[in-house]
N, C-alpha and C. Protein backbone atom coordinates (compact mmCIF):
# COMPACT_ATOMS: atom_id res chain seq x y z
N MET A 1 146.38 29.07 135.97
CA MET A 1 147.34 29.72 136.86
C MET A 1 146.62 30.65 137.83
N LEU A 2 145.67 31.43 137.32
CA LEU A 2 144.91 32.33 138.19
C LEU A 2 144.14 31.55 139.25
N LYS A 3 143.53 30.47 138.84
CA LYS A 3 142.75 29.66 139.78
C LYS A 3 143.64 29.07 140.86
N ARG A 4 144.81 28.57 140.45
CA ARG A 4 145.73 27.96 141.43
C ARG A 4 146.30 28.98 142.40
N SER A 5 146.40 30.24 141.93
CA SER A 5 147.03 31.28 142.76
C SER A 5 146.02 32.12 143.53
N ALA A 6 144.74 31.84 143.37
CA ALA A 6 143.69 32.71 143.90
C ALA A 6 143.82 32.96 145.40
N GLN A 7 144.30 31.97 146.14
CA GLN A 7 144.40 32.13 147.60
C GLN A 7 145.46 33.16 148.00
N LEU A 8 146.30 33.55 147.06
CA LEU A 8 147.36 34.52 147.33
C LEU A 8 146.93 35.96 147.05
N PHE A 9 145.77 36.15 146.41
CA PHE A 9 145.32 37.48 146.01
C PHE A 9 144.56 38.17 147.13
N ASP A 10 144.64 39.51 147.16
CA ASP A 10 143.78 40.30 148.03
C ASP A 10 143.36 41.57 147.28
N ASP A 11 142.42 42.32 147.87
CA ASP A 11 141.81 43.43 147.13
C ASP A 11 142.70 44.67 147.05
N GLN A 12 143.89 44.61 147.63
CA GLN A 12 144.83 45.72 147.53
C GLN A 12 145.87 45.49 146.43
N GLN A 13 145.92 44.31 145.89
CA GLN A 13 146.92 43.98 144.88
C GLN A 13 146.48 44.43 143.49
N TYR A 14 147.49 44.64 142.65
CA TYR A 14 147.26 44.97 141.26
C TYR A 14 147.69 43.79 140.38
N ALA A 15 147.03 43.65 139.27
CA ALA A 15 147.46 42.71 138.25
C ALA A 15 148.05 43.52 137.10
N ILE A 16 149.28 43.20 136.72
CA ILE A 16 149.93 43.86 135.59
C ILE A 16 150.14 42.80 134.51
N THR A 17 149.61 43.02 133.34
CA THR A 17 149.66 42.01 132.30
C THR A 17 150.10 42.61 130.98
N LEU A 18 151.11 42.00 130.38
CA LEU A 18 151.63 42.41 129.07
C LEU A 18 151.51 41.21 128.14
N MET A 19 150.43 41.15 127.39
CA MET A 19 150.15 39.96 126.58
C MET A 19 150.16 40.31 125.10
N ASN A 20 150.40 39.29 124.27
CA ASN A 20 150.43 39.48 122.82
C ASN A 20 149.05 39.51 122.19
N GLY A 21 148.08 38.86 122.81
CA GLY A 21 146.77 38.74 122.21
C GLY A 21 145.68 39.33 123.08
N MET A 22 144.47 38.78 122.93
CA MET A 22 143.33 39.25 123.70
C MET A 22 142.68 38.04 124.38
N GLY A 23 141.70 38.33 125.23
CA GLY A 23 141.01 37.26 125.95
C GLY A 23 141.45 37.12 127.39
N HIS A 24 142.56 37.76 127.74
CA HIS A 24 143.10 37.61 129.09
C HIS A 24 142.41 38.52 130.11
N ILE A 25 141.96 39.69 129.68
CA ILE A 25 141.39 40.64 130.61
C ILE A 25 140.14 40.06 131.29
N GLU A 26 139.30 39.40 130.50
CA GLU A 26 138.08 38.81 131.06
C GLU A 26 138.42 37.79 132.15
N LYS A 27 139.48 37.05 131.96
CA LYS A 27 139.89 36.05 132.95
C LYS A 27 140.45 36.73 134.21
N ILE A 28 141.27 37.77 134.00
CA ILE A 28 141.85 38.49 135.14
C ILE A 28 140.77 39.17 135.96
N ASN A 29 139.72 39.68 135.30
CA ASN A 29 138.66 40.38 136.01
C ASN A 29 137.85 39.47 136.93
N LYS A 30 138.01 38.17 136.81
CA LYS A 30 137.36 37.26 137.75
C LYS A 30 138.03 37.32 139.12
N TYR A 31 139.24 37.87 139.16
CA TYR A 31 140.02 37.90 140.40
C TYR A 31 140.43 39.31 140.81
N PHE A 32 140.47 40.25 139.87
CA PHE A 32 140.89 41.62 140.15
C PHE A 32 139.88 42.60 139.56
N LYS A 33 139.48 43.59 140.34
CA LYS A 33 138.59 44.63 139.85
C LYS A 33 139.30 45.48 138.79
N ALA A 34 138.52 46.11 137.93
CA ALA A 34 139.08 46.88 136.82
C ALA A 34 140.05 47.96 137.30
N GLU A 35 139.75 48.58 138.44
CA GLU A 35 140.63 49.65 138.93
C GLU A 35 141.97 49.13 139.44
N LYS A 36 142.11 47.81 139.53
CA LYS A 36 143.37 47.21 139.96
C LYS A 36 144.08 46.48 138.82
N VAL A 37 143.67 46.73 137.60
CA VAL A 37 144.28 46.05 136.46
C VAL A 37 145.04 47.06 135.59
N ILE A 38 146.32 46.79 135.40
CA ILE A 38 147.16 47.57 134.49
C ILE A 38 147.55 46.64 133.35
N ALA A 39 147.09 46.96 132.18
CA ALA A 39 147.40 46.13 131.02
C ALA A 39 148.39 46.86 130.13
N GLY A 40 148.84 46.16 129.11
CA GLY A 40 149.76 46.82 128.21
C GLY A 40 150.38 45.84 127.23
N THR A 41 151.34 46.35 126.51
CA THR A 41 152.03 45.57 125.48
C THR A 41 153.50 45.91 125.51
N ALA A 42 154.31 44.96 125.06
CA ALA A 42 155.76 45.15 125.06
C ALA A 42 156.32 44.92 123.66
N MET A 43 157.14 45.86 123.21
CA MET A 43 157.89 45.68 121.97
C MET A 43 159.35 45.46 122.34
N ILE A 44 159.59 44.34 122.98
CA ILE A 44 160.93 43.99 123.45
C ILE A 44 161.17 42.53 123.09
N GLY A 45 162.05 42.29 122.14
CA GLY A 45 162.30 40.93 121.69
C GLY A 45 163.08 40.13 122.71
N THR A 46 162.57 38.95 123.06
CA THR A 46 163.25 38.09 124.02
C THR A 46 163.13 36.63 123.60
N VAL A 47 164.02 35.83 124.16
CA VAL A 47 163.92 34.38 124.06
C VAL A 47 163.92 33.83 125.48
N LEU A 48 162.89 33.08 125.81
CA LEU A 48 162.79 32.47 127.14
C LEU A 48 163.41 31.09 127.06
N ASN A 49 164.63 30.96 127.56
CA ASN A 49 165.34 29.68 127.52
C ASN A 49 164.81 28.71 128.56
N ASP A 50 164.50 29.26 129.74
CA ASP A 50 164.01 28.45 130.85
C ASP A 50 163.40 29.41 131.85
N ALA A 51 162.84 28.89 132.91
CA ALA A 51 162.23 29.75 133.92
C ALA A 51 163.28 30.71 134.49
N GLY A 52 163.04 32.00 134.33
CA GLY A 52 163.98 33.02 134.82
C GLY A 52 165.21 33.22 133.97
N ASP A 53 165.31 32.52 132.85
CA ASP A 53 166.48 32.62 131.96
C ASP A 53 166.03 33.25 130.64
N VAL A 54 166.25 34.57 130.53
CA VAL A 54 165.75 35.33 129.38
C VAL A 54 166.92 35.97 128.63
N ASP A 55 166.92 35.79 127.32
CA ASP A 55 167.86 36.51 126.46
C ASP A 55 167.11 37.66 125.79
N PHE A 56 167.67 38.87 125.86
CA PHE A 56 167.07 40.02 125.21
C PHE A 56 167.67 40.19 123.82
N ILE A 57 166.79 40.45 122.84
CA ILE A 57 167.21 40.61 121.46
C ILE A 57 167.19 42.09 121.10
N GLY A 58 168.22 42.57 120.46
CA GLY A 58 168.28 43.97 120.07
C GLY A 58 169.12 44.79 121.03
N LYS A 59 169.33 46.05 120.67
CA LYS A 59 170.18 46.92 121.47
C LYS A 59 169.48 47.31 122.77
N LYS A 60 170.28 47.46 123.82
CA LYS A 60 169.76 47.82 125.13
C LYS A 60 169.08 49.19 125.07
N GLY A 61 167.91 49.26 125.69
CA GLY A 61 167.21 50.54 125.77
C GLY A 61 166.37 50.90 124.56
N THR A 62 166.32 50.03 123.55
CA THR A 62 165.55 50.35 122.34
C THR A 62 164.12 49.84 122.40
N GLY A 63 163.81 48.99 123.36
CA GLY A 63 162.46 48.45 123.47
C GLY A 63 161.50 49.44 124.10
N THR A 64 160.22 49.20 123.92
CA THR A 64 159.19 50.05 124.51
C THR A 64 158.06 49.21 125.11
N ILE A 65 157.41 49.78 126.10
CA ILE A 65 156.23 49.17 126.72
C ILE A 65 155.13 50.23 126.80
N HIS A 66 153.93 49.86 126.39
CA HIS A 66 152.77 50.72 126.58
C HIS A 66 151.96 50.17 127.75
N LEU A 67 151.62 51.04 128.69
CA LEU A 67 150.82 50.66 129.84
C LEU A 67 149.53 51.46 129.85
N VAL A 68 148.45 50.81 130.30
CA VAL A 68 147.16 51.49 130.34
C VAL A 68 146.31 50.87 131.44
N ASN A 69 145.66 51.70 132.22
CA ASN A 69 144.72 51.20 133.24
C ASN A 69 143.43 50.75 132.56
N GLU A 70 142.86 49.67 133.06
CA GLU A 70 141.60 49.21 132.49
C GLU A 70 140.52 50.28 132.62
N THR A 71 140.59 51.08 133.67
CA THR A 71 139.63 52.17 133.86
C THR A 71 139.96 53.39 133.02
N GLU A 72 141.15 53.38 132.40
CA GLU A 72 141.68 54.51 131.63
C GLU A 72 141.93 55.74 132.50
N LYS A 73 142.08 55.51 133.82
CA LYS A 73 142.35 56.59 134.77
C LYS A 73 143.61 56.24 135.57
N PRO A 74 144.78 56.74 135.15
CA PRO A 74 146.03 56.41 135.84
C PRO A 74 145.99 56.86 137.30
N ASP A 75 146.44 55.99 138.20
CA ASP A 75 146.50 56.33 139.61
C ASP A 75 147.95 56.40 140.06
N LYS A 76 148.14 56.63 141.36
CA LYS A 76 149.48 56.80 141.91
C LYS A 76 150.34 55.56 141.71
N PHE A 77 149.76 54.38 141.94
CA PHE A 77 150.54 53.16 141.80
C PHE A 77 150.98 52.94 140.36
N THR A 78 150.10 53.22 139.41
CA THR A 78 150.46 53.08 138.00
C THR A 78 151.66 53.94 137.66
N LYS A 79 151.66 55.15 138.16
CA LYS A 79 152.78 56.06 137.87
C LYS A 79 154.07 55.56 138.52
N GLN A 80 153.96 54.88 139.66
CA GLN A 80 155.13 54.27 140.28
C GLN A 80 155.67 53.13 139.41
N VAL A 81 154.77 52.35 138.82
CA VAL A 81 155.18 51.28 137.92
C VAL A 81 155.92 51.86 136.72
N VAL A 82 155.39 52.91 136.15
CA VAL A 82 156.05 53.56 135.01
C VAL A 82 157.45 54.03 135.41
N SER A 83 157.58 54.60 136.59
CA SER A 83 158.88 55.09 137.07
C SER A 83 159.88 53.94 137.20
N GLU A 84 159.43 52.81 137.73
CA GLU A 84 160.32 51.65 137.88
C GLU A 84 160.74 51.10 136.52
N PHE A 85 159.81 51.06 135.58
CA PHE A 85 160.14 50.56 134.25
C PHE A 85 161.11 51.49 133.54
N LYS A 86 161.01 52.79 133.81
CA LYS A 86 161.97 53.73 133.23
C LYS A 86 163.38 53.45 133.75
N LYS A 87 163.48 53.19 135.06
CA LYS A 87 164.79 52.87 135.65
C LYS A 87 165.39 51.61 135.01
N ALA A 88 164.52 50.69 134.62
CA ALA A 88 164.97 49.44 134.00
C ALA A 88 165.23 49.59 132.50
N GLN A 89 165.06 50.81 131.99
CA GLN A 89 165.30 51.13 130.57
C GLN A 89 164.40 50.31 129.64
N LEU A 90 163.15 50.16 130.05
CA LEU A 90 162.18 49.42 129.25
C LEU A 90 161.30 50.32 128.40
N GLY A 91 161.54 51.62 128.45
CA GLY A 91 160.82 52.55 127.58
C GLY A 91 159.32 52.59 127.79
N PRO A 92 158.84 52.74 129.04
CA PRO A 92 157.39 52.72 129.26
C PRO A 92 156.71 53.99 128.78
N LYS A 93 155.51 53.82 128.24
CA LYS A 93 154.66 54.94 127.83
C LYS A 93 153.27 54.68 128.38
N LEU A 94 152.71 55.65 129.10
CA LEU A 94 151.41 55.51 129.73
C LEU A 94 150.34 56.11 128.82
N THR A 95 149.28 55.34 128.56
CA THR A 95 148.19 55.83 127.72
C THR A 95 146.88 55.77 128.50
N THR A 96 145.84 56.36 127.92
CA THR A 96 144.49 56.30 128.51
C THR A 96 143.49 55.77 127.47
N ASN A 97 143.97 54.91 126.59
CA ASN A 97 143.14 54.29 125.55
C ASN A 97 143.30 52.79 125.70
N PHE A 98 142.39 52.18 126.46
CA PHE A 98 142.57 50.79 126.86
C PHE A 98 142.57 49.83 125.68
N LEU A 99 141.46 49.71 124.98
CA LEU A 99 141.39 48.75 123.88
C LEU A 99 142.29 49.15 122.72
N GLY A 100 142.41 50.44 122.46
CA GLY A 100 143.29 50.89 121.38
C GLY A 100 144.74 50.53 121.62
N THR A 101 145.17 50.60 122.88
CA THR A 101 146.54 50.22 123.23
C THR A 101 146.77 48.73 122.97
N LEU A 102 145.85 47.91 123.45
CA LEU A 102 146.01 46.47 123.28
C LEU A 102 145.91 46.05 121.82
N LEU A 103 144.98 46.63 121.08
CA LEU A 103 144.78 46.24 119.68
C LEU A 103 145.94 46.67 118.79
N THR A 104 146.64 47.73 119.16
CA THR A 104 147.79 48.16 118.35
C THR A 104 148.83 47.05 118.28
N LYS A 105 149.09 46.38 119.40
CA LYS A 105 150.06 45.28 119.40
C LYS A 105 149.47 44.03 118.78
N VAL A 106 148.18 43.79 119.00
CA VAL A 106 147.54 42.63 118.37
C VAL A 106 147.68 42.71 116.85
N ILE A 107 147.48 43.89 116.30
CA ILE A 107 147.60 44.07 114.85
C ILE A 107 149.03 43.80 114.40
N TYR A 108 150.00 44.32 115.13
CA TYR A 108 151.41 44.04 114.82
C TYR A 108 151.67 42.54 114.83
N ASN A 109 151.22 41.87 115.89
CA ASN A 109 151.46 40.44 116.01
C ASN A 109 150.73 39.64 114.94
N SER A 110 149.58 40.13 114.52
CA SER A 110 148.79 39.41 113.52
C SER A 110 149.51 39.35 112.18
N VAL A 111 150.47 40.24 112.00
CA VAL A 111 151.28 40.24 110.78
C VAL A 111 152.61 39.53 111.01
N VAL A 112 153.40 40.05 111.92
CA VAL A 112 154.78 39.61 112.09
C VAL A 112 154.87 38.22 112.72
N ASN A 113 154.17 38.03 113.83
CA ASN A 113 154.28 36.74 114.52
C ASN A 113 153.81 35.59 113.65
N THR A 114 152.67 35.77 113.01
CA THR A 114 152.10 34.66 112.25
C THR A 114 152.90 34.34 111.00
N LEU A 115 153.21 35.35 110.21
CA LEU A 115 153.89 35.10 108.93
C LEU A 115 155.32 34.60 109.14
N CYS A 116 156.03 35.19 110.09
CA CYS A 116 157.40 34.72 110.37
C CYS A 116 157.38 33.29 110.90
N SER A 117 156.43 33.01 111.77
CA SER A 117 156.41 31.72 112.44
C SER A 117 156.05 30.58 111.50
N MET A 118 155.09 30.80 110.63
CA MET A 118 154.67 29.77 109.69
C MET A 118 155.81 29.31 108.81
N TYR A 119 156.61 30.29 108.37
CA TYR A 119 157.68 29.98 107.42
C TYR A 119 159.06 29.94 108.06
N LYS A 120 159.09 29.98 109.39
CA LYS A 120 160.34 29.87 110.15
C LYS A 120 161.36 30.92 109.71
N LEU A 121 160.87 32.15 109.60
CA LEU A 121 161.70 33.26 109.17
C LEU A 121 162.06 34.17 110.34
N LYS A 122 163.30 34.64 110.35
CA LYS A 122 163.64 35.74 111.24
C LYS A 122 162.93 36.99 110.72
N GLU A 123 162.72 37.96 111.59
CA GLU A 123 161.95 39.13 111.20
C GLU A 123 162.60 39.89 110.04
N GLY A 124 163.92 39.97 110.05
CA GLY A 124 164.62 40.64 108.95
C GLY A 124 164.49 39.90 107.64
N GLU A 125 164.43 38.58 107.72
CA GLU A 125 164.24 37.77 106.50
C GLU A 125 162.84 37.99 105.93
N PHE A 126 161.86 38.11 106.82
CA PHE A 126 160.49 38.36 106.36
C PHE A 126 160.37 39.70 105.64
N ILE A 127 160.88 40.75 106.26
CA ILE A 127 160.68 42.09 105.69
C ILE A 127 161.47 42.28 104.41
N SER A 128 162.48 41.46 104.17
CA SER A 128 163.28 41.58 102.94
C SER A 128 162.57 40.96 101.73
N ALA A 129 161.49 40.21 101.96
CA ALA A 129 160.77 39.58 100.87
C ALA A 129 160.00 40.61 100.06
N SER A 130 159.97 40.48 98.76
CA SER A 130 159.28 41.45 97.91
C SER A 130 157.78 41.48 98.16
N VAL A 131 157.23 40.37 98.65
CA VAL A 131 155.78 40.29 98.87
C VAL A 131 155.36 40.79 100.25
N SER A 132 156.32 41.10 101.12
CA SER A 132 155.97 41.46 102.49
C SER A 132 155.10 42.71 102.57
N THR A 133 155.37 43.71 101.73
CA THR A 133 154.59 44.94 101.75
C THR A 133 153.12 44.67 101.45
N LYS A 134 152.87 43.84 100.45
CA LYS A 134 151.50 43.50 100.09
C LYS A 134 150.79 42.78 101.23
N LEU A 135 151.48 41.83 101.85
CA LEU A 135 150.88 41.08 102.95
C LEU A 135 150.59 41.98 104.15
N ILE A 136 151.53 42.83 104.49
CA ILE A 136 151.35 43.74 105.63
C ILE A 136 150.14 44.63 105.40
N ASN A 137 150.06 45.23 104.22
CA ASN A 137 148.95 46.15 103.95
C ASN A 137 147.60 45.45 103.97
N ARG A 138 147.53 44.23 103.43
CA ARG A 138 146.25 43.54 103.42
C ARG A 138 145.78 43.23 104.83
N LEU A 139 146.68 42.74 105.67
CA LEU A 139 146.29 42.39 107.04
C LEU A 139 145.97 43.63 107.87
N ILE A 140 146.75 44.70 107.68
CA ILE A 140 146.48 45.94 108.39
C ILE A 140 145.12 46.51 107.98
N ASN A 141 144.85 46.55 106.69
CA ASN A 141 143.59 47.11 106.22
C ASN A 141 142.39 46.38 106.81
N GLU A 142 142.45 45.06 106.83
CA GLU A 142 141.36 44.29 107.43
C GLU A 142 141.22 44.60 108.91
N ALA A 143 142.35 44.61 109.62
CA ALA A 143 142.31 44.83 111.07
C ALA A 143 141.77 46.20 111.42
N TYR A 144 142.17 47.22 110.67
CA TYR A 144 141.70 48.57 110.97
C TYR A 144 140.22 48.73 110.62
N HIS A 145 139.75 48.01 109.62
CA HIS A 145 138.33 48.06 109.32
C HIS A 145 137.53 47.45 110.46
N VAL A 146 138.04 46.35 111.02
CA VAL A 146 137.39 45.74 112.18
C VAL A 146 137.35 46.73 113.34
N CYS A 147 138.46 47.39 113.60
CA CYS A 147 138.52 48.37 114.70
C CYS A 147 137.54 49.52 114.47
N ASP A 148 137.45 49.99 113.23
CA ASP A 148 136.49 51.06 112.91
C ASP A 148 135.06 50.62 113.23
N LEU A 149 134.71 49.40 112.83
CA LEU A 149 133.37 48.90 113.09
C LEU A 149 133.09 48.78 114.58
N ALA A 150 134.13 48.40 115.35
CA ALA A 150 133.97 48.20 116.79
C ALA A 150 134.13 49.48 117.59
N GLY A 151 134.44 50.58 116.93
CA GLY A 151 134.63 51.85 117.63
C GLY A 151 135.90 51.92 118.44
N ILE A 152 136.91 51.17 118.01
CA ILE A 152 138.20 51.15 118.69
C ILE A 152 139.21 51.95 117.87
N GLU A 153 139.95 52.82 118.53
CA GLU A 153 140.95 53.64 117.84
C GLU A 153 142.35 53.20 118.26
N PRO A 154 143.07 52.46 117.42
CA PRO A 154 144.44 52.08 117.77
C PRO A 154 145.32 53.31 117.99
N LEU A 155 146.43 53.12 118.67
CA LEU A 155 147.33 54.23 118.95
C LEU A 155 147.96 54.78 117.68
N ASN A 156 148.16 53.90 116.70
CA ASN A 156 148.79 54.31 115.44
C ASN A 156 147.74 54.41 114.33
N SER A 157 148.00 55.29 113.38
CA SER A 157 147.25 55.27 112.14
C SER A 157 147.71 54.06 111.32
N LYS A 158 146.99 53.75 110.24
CA LYS A 158 147.40 52.62 109.40
C LYS A 158 148.81 52.84 108.87
N GLU A 159 149.10 54.04 108.44
CA GLU A 159 150.44 54.32 107.91
C GLU A 159 151.50 54.18 109.00
N GLU A 160 151.20 54.67 110.19
CA GLU A 160 152.15 54.56 111.30
C GLU A 160 152.37 53.10 111.68
N GLU A 161 151.31 52.31 111.64
CA GLU A 161 151.44 50.89 111.98
C GLU A 161 152.30 50.18 110.93
N PHE A 162 152.07 50.48 109.67
CA PHE A 162 152.90 49.90 108.61
C PHE A 162 154.37 50.26 108.83
N ASN A 163 154.63 51.54 109.08
CA ASN A 163 156.02 51.98 109.28
C ASN A 163 156.63 51.35 110.52
N ALA A 164 155.82 51.16 111.57
CA ALA A 164 156.33 50.54 112.80
C ALA A 164 156.74 49.10 112.54
N ILE A 165 155.95 48.38 111.75
CA ILE A 165 156.28 46.99 111.43
C ILE A 165 157.57 46.92 110.61
N VAL A 166 157.69 47.78 109.62
CA VAL A 166 158.89 47.79 108.78
C VAL A 166 160.12 48.15 109.62
N HIS A 167 160.00 49.17 110.44
CA HIS A 167 161.15 49.62 111.24
C HIS A 167 161.58 48.54 112.24
N ALA A 168 160.60 47.93 112.94
CA ALA A 168 160.95 46.94 113.95
C ALA A 168 161.62 45.72 113.33
N THR A 169 161.05 45.22 112.24
CA THR A 169 161.58 43.99 111.64
C THR A 169 162.90 44.23 110.90
N ARG A 170 163.04 45.39 110.30
CA ARG A 170 164.24 45.68 109.51
C ARG A 170 165.38 46.24 110.34
N ASP A 171 165.06 47.11 111.33
CA ASP A 171 166.10 47.87 112.00
C ASP A 171 166.32 47.50 113.47
N VAL A 172 165.28 47.01 114.15
CA VAL A 172 165.39 46.79 115.60
C VAL A 172 165.69 45.34 115.93
N THR A 173 164.88 44.41 115.42
CA THR A 173 165.05 43.00 115.75
C THR A 173 165.09 42.11 114.50
N PRO A 174 165.96 42.41 113.54
CA PRO A 174 165.97 41.62 112.31
C PRO A 174 166.41 40.18 112.50
N LEU A 175 167.12 39.88 113.60
CA LEU A 175 167.61 38.53 113.85
C LEU A 175 166.70 37.74 114.79
N HIS A 176 165.55 38.31 115.10
CA HIS A 176 164.66 37.72 116.11
C HIS A 176 163.60 36.82 115.48
N TYR A 177 163.39 35.64 116.09
CA TYR A 177 162.23 34.82 115.78
C TYR A 177 161.12 35.19 116.76
N PRO A 178 159.91 35.48 116.29
CA PRO A 178 158.82 35.83 117.21
C PRO A 178 158.51 34.71 118.18
N SER A 179 157.84 35.07 119.27
CA SER A 179 157.51 34.09 120.30
C SER A 179 156.62 32.98 119.75
N MET A 180 155.79 33.29 118.78
CA MET A 180 154.93 32.26 118.20
C MET A 180 155.76 31.17 117.52
N TYR A 181 156.83 31.57 116.87
CA TYR A 181 157.74 30.58 116.27
C TYR A 181 158.36 29.71 117.36
N GLN A 182 158.73 30.35 118.47
CA GLN A 182 159.32 29.58 119.56
C GLN A 182 158.33 28.53 120.07
N ASP A 183 157.04 28.87 120.09
CA ASP A 183 156.02 27.89 120.48
C ASP A 183 155.94 26.76 119.47
N ILE A 184 155.86 27.10 118.18
CA ILE A 184 155.74 26.07 117.16
C ILE A 184 156.95 25.14 117.19
N SER A 185 158.14 25.71 117.30
CA SER A 185 159.36 24.90 117.26
C SER A 185 159.46 23.96 118.45
N LYS A 186 158.78 24.30 119.56
CA LYS A 186 158.77 23.44 120.74
C LYS A 186 157.47 22.65 120.87
N GLN A 187 156.71 22.63 119.77
CA GLN A 187 155.47 21.85 119.69
C GLN A 187 154.46 22.24 120.77
N ARG A 188 154.39 23.54 121.05
CA ARG A 188 153.39 24.08 121.96
C ARG A 188 152.27 24.74 121.15
N PRO A 189 151.04 24.73 121.63
CA PRO A 189 149.97 25.46 120.95
C PRO A 189 150.29 26.95 120.91
N THR A 190 150.00 27.60 119.81
CA THR A 190 150.25 29.03 119.69
C THR A 190 149.04 29.82 120.19
N GLU A 191 149.20 31.14 120.23
CA GLU A 191 148.14 32.05 120.67
C GLU A 191 147.40 32.68 119.49
N VAL A 192 147.49 32.07 118.31
CA VAL A 192 146.94 32.68 117.11
C VAL A 192 145.43 32.91 117.21
N ASP A 193 144.71 32.07 117.96
CA ASP A 193 143.27 32.27 118.10
C ASP A 193 142.95 33.55 118.85
N TYR A 194 143.89 34.07 119.62
CA TYR A 194 143.68 35.28 120.39
C TYR A 194 144.31 36.50 119.72
N ILE A 195 144.82 36.30 118.51
CA ILE A 195 145.42 37.40 117.74
C ILE A 195 144.64 37.54 116.43
N ASN A 196 145.00 36.79 115.41
CA ASN A 196 144.24 36.83 114.16
C ASN A 196 142.81 36.34 114.38
N GLY A 197 142.66 35.32 115.20
CA GLY A 197 141.33 34.81 115.49
C GLY A 197 140.47 35.83 116.20
N TYR A 198 141.06 36.60 117.09
CA TYR A 198 140.31 37.65 117.79
C TYR A 198 139.81 38.70 116.81
N LEU A 199 140.67 39.12 115.88
CA LEU A 199 140.27 40.13 114.90
C LEU A 199 139.14 39.61 114.02
N TYR A 200 139.24 38.35 113.62
CA TYR A 200 138.18 37.76 112.80
C TYR A 200 136.87 37.68 113.58
N ASP A 201 136.93 37.18 114.80
CA ASP A 201 135.72 37.03 115.61
C ASP A 201 135.08 38.39 115.93
N LEU A 202 135.92 39.40 116.18
CA LEU A 202 135.38 40.74 116.44
C LEU A 202 134.70 41.29 115.19
N GLY A 203 135.29 41.05 114.03
CA GLY A 203 134.67 41.49 112.79
C GLY A 203 133.32 40.84 112.56
N LYS A 204 133.21 39.57 112.91
CA LYS A 204 131.95 38.83 112.73
C LYS A 204 130.80 39.47 113.51
N LYS A 205 131.11 40.06 114.65
CA LYS A 205 130.07 40.72 115.45
C LYS A 205 129.42 41.86 114.67
N TYR A 206 130.15 42.41 113.71
CA TYR A 206 129.64 43.53 112.92
C TYR A 206 129.42 43.12 111.47
N HIS A 207 129.25 41.81 111.27
CA HIS A 207 128.92 41.25 109.95
C HIS A 207 129.99 41.53 108.91
N TYR A 208 131.24 41.53 109.36
CA TYR A 208 132.38 41.74 108.45
C TYR A 208 133.26 40.49 108.48
N ASN A 209 133.67 40.05 107.30
CA ASN A 209 134.48 38.85 107.18
C ASN A 209 135.95 39.23 106.96
N ALA A 210 136.73 39.21 108.02
CA ALA A 210 138.17 39.47 107.92
C ALA A 210 138.84 38.18 107.46
N GLN A 211 138.65 37.86 106.19
CA GLN A 211 138.99 36.53 105.70
C GLN A 211 140.49 36.26 105.67
N ALA A 212 141.32 37.27 105.47
CA ALA A 212 142.76 37.03 105.47
C ALA A 212 143.22 36.59 106.85
N HIS A 213 142.68 37.20 107.88
CA HIS A 213 143.05 36.84 109.25
C HIS A 213 142.54 35.44 109.60
N ASP A 214 141.35 35.11 109.14
CA ASP A 214 140.80 33.78 109.41
C ASP A 214 141.63 32.71 108.70
N PHE A 215 141.98 32.97 107.45
CA PHE A 215 142.78 32.03 106.67
C PHE A 215 144.16 31.85 107.31
N LEU A 216 144.75 32.95 107.75
CA LEU A 216 146.08 32.88 108.36
C LEU A 216 146.03 32.11 109.68
N ARG A 217 144.95 32.26 110.43
CA ARG A 217 144.80 31.49 111.67
C ARG A 217 144.84 29.99 111.36
N ASP A 218 144.12 29.58 110.33
CA ASP A 218 144.10 28.16 109.97
C ASP A 218 145.48 27.68 109.52
N LEU A 219 146.20 28.52 108.79
CA LEU A 219 147.52 28.13 108.32
C LEU A 219 148.52 27.98 109.48
N VAL A 220 148.39 28.82 110.49
CA VAL A 220 149.26 28.67 111.67
C VAL A 220 148.96 27.37 112.39
N HIS A 221 147.69 27.02 112.50
CA HIS A 221 147.35 25.73 113.12
C HIS A 221 147.89 24.57 112.28
N LEU A 222 147.90 24.73 110.96
CA LEU A 222 148.49 23.70 110.11
C LEU A 222 150.00 23.61 110.35
N ALA A 223 150.64 24.76 110.55
CA ALA A 223 152.07 24.77 110.85
C ALA A 223 152.36 24.07 112.18
N GLU A 224 151.48 24.26 113.17
CA GLU A 224 151.62 23.55 114.44
C GLU A 224 151.58 22.04 114.21
N HIS A 225 150.61 21.64 113.43
CA HIS A 225 150.45 20.20 113.13
C HIS A 225 151.66 19.66 112.39
N ALA A 226 152.13 20.41 111.39
CA ALA A 226 153.26 19.95 110.58
C ALA A 226 154.51 19.75 111.43
N GLU A 227 154.70 20.62 112.41
CA GLU A 227 155.89 20.52 113.27
C GLU A 227 155.86 19.22 114.07
N ILE A 228 154.66 18.77 114.43
CA ILE A 228 154.53 17.55 115.22
C ILE A 228 154.70 16.30 114.34
N VAL A 229 154.01 16.27 113.21
CA VAL A 229 153.97 15.04 112.42
C VAL A 229 155.23 14.82 111.57
N THR A 230 156.02 15.86 111.37
CA THR A 230 157.23 15.72 110.55
C THR A 230 158.48 15.51 111.36
N GLN A 231 158.35 15.45 112.67
CA GLN A 231 159.53 15.24 113.52
C GLN A 231 159.95 13.76 113.50
């Protein structure tokens, strides 16, 4: 998409990206300088029915967006973006911790998106399982150890991340299927390699084996395959 659109870009434009995983910043930087990149994450449940046709899940105004400049230095335009998102009731929060902001959502997705999607569970159904607490803690512990080794400080502590996962799945979007499930159900490749796979690959750089994340990545790929061959 970036390659096809390159003729439309100029050096005064900004790229704003809200992605579930990692790996996108390096691609965007081929077309936009770091000072023109605003990244972030969204905790807003949606279903994309078609191009421009979006259903929002959960109560209005309960979602949040974290925004962060790649340079970690907010400028005038970034503050204008935050102001516009506030008017839209999207709950924007501006941070100055680039990788920590992105990894906080990656960790959330590495638990909720993958586990719900593999077993075709709504988020509320997942969190009601007696084993969910054990699974959440194991995946969080591995992910935070990887972040410690890499010198990355997520926005939340481990306890805060655990509580955020429980609150979101139980109280905010209990009827929501994660976007990864929507991909599997439509026989599209998932982004698991850029979520659990990213955490595993980052750990490998520091000689740490985040084996639960690696195993879960393989199981999601098996779920993708199963959806195709069982139809």
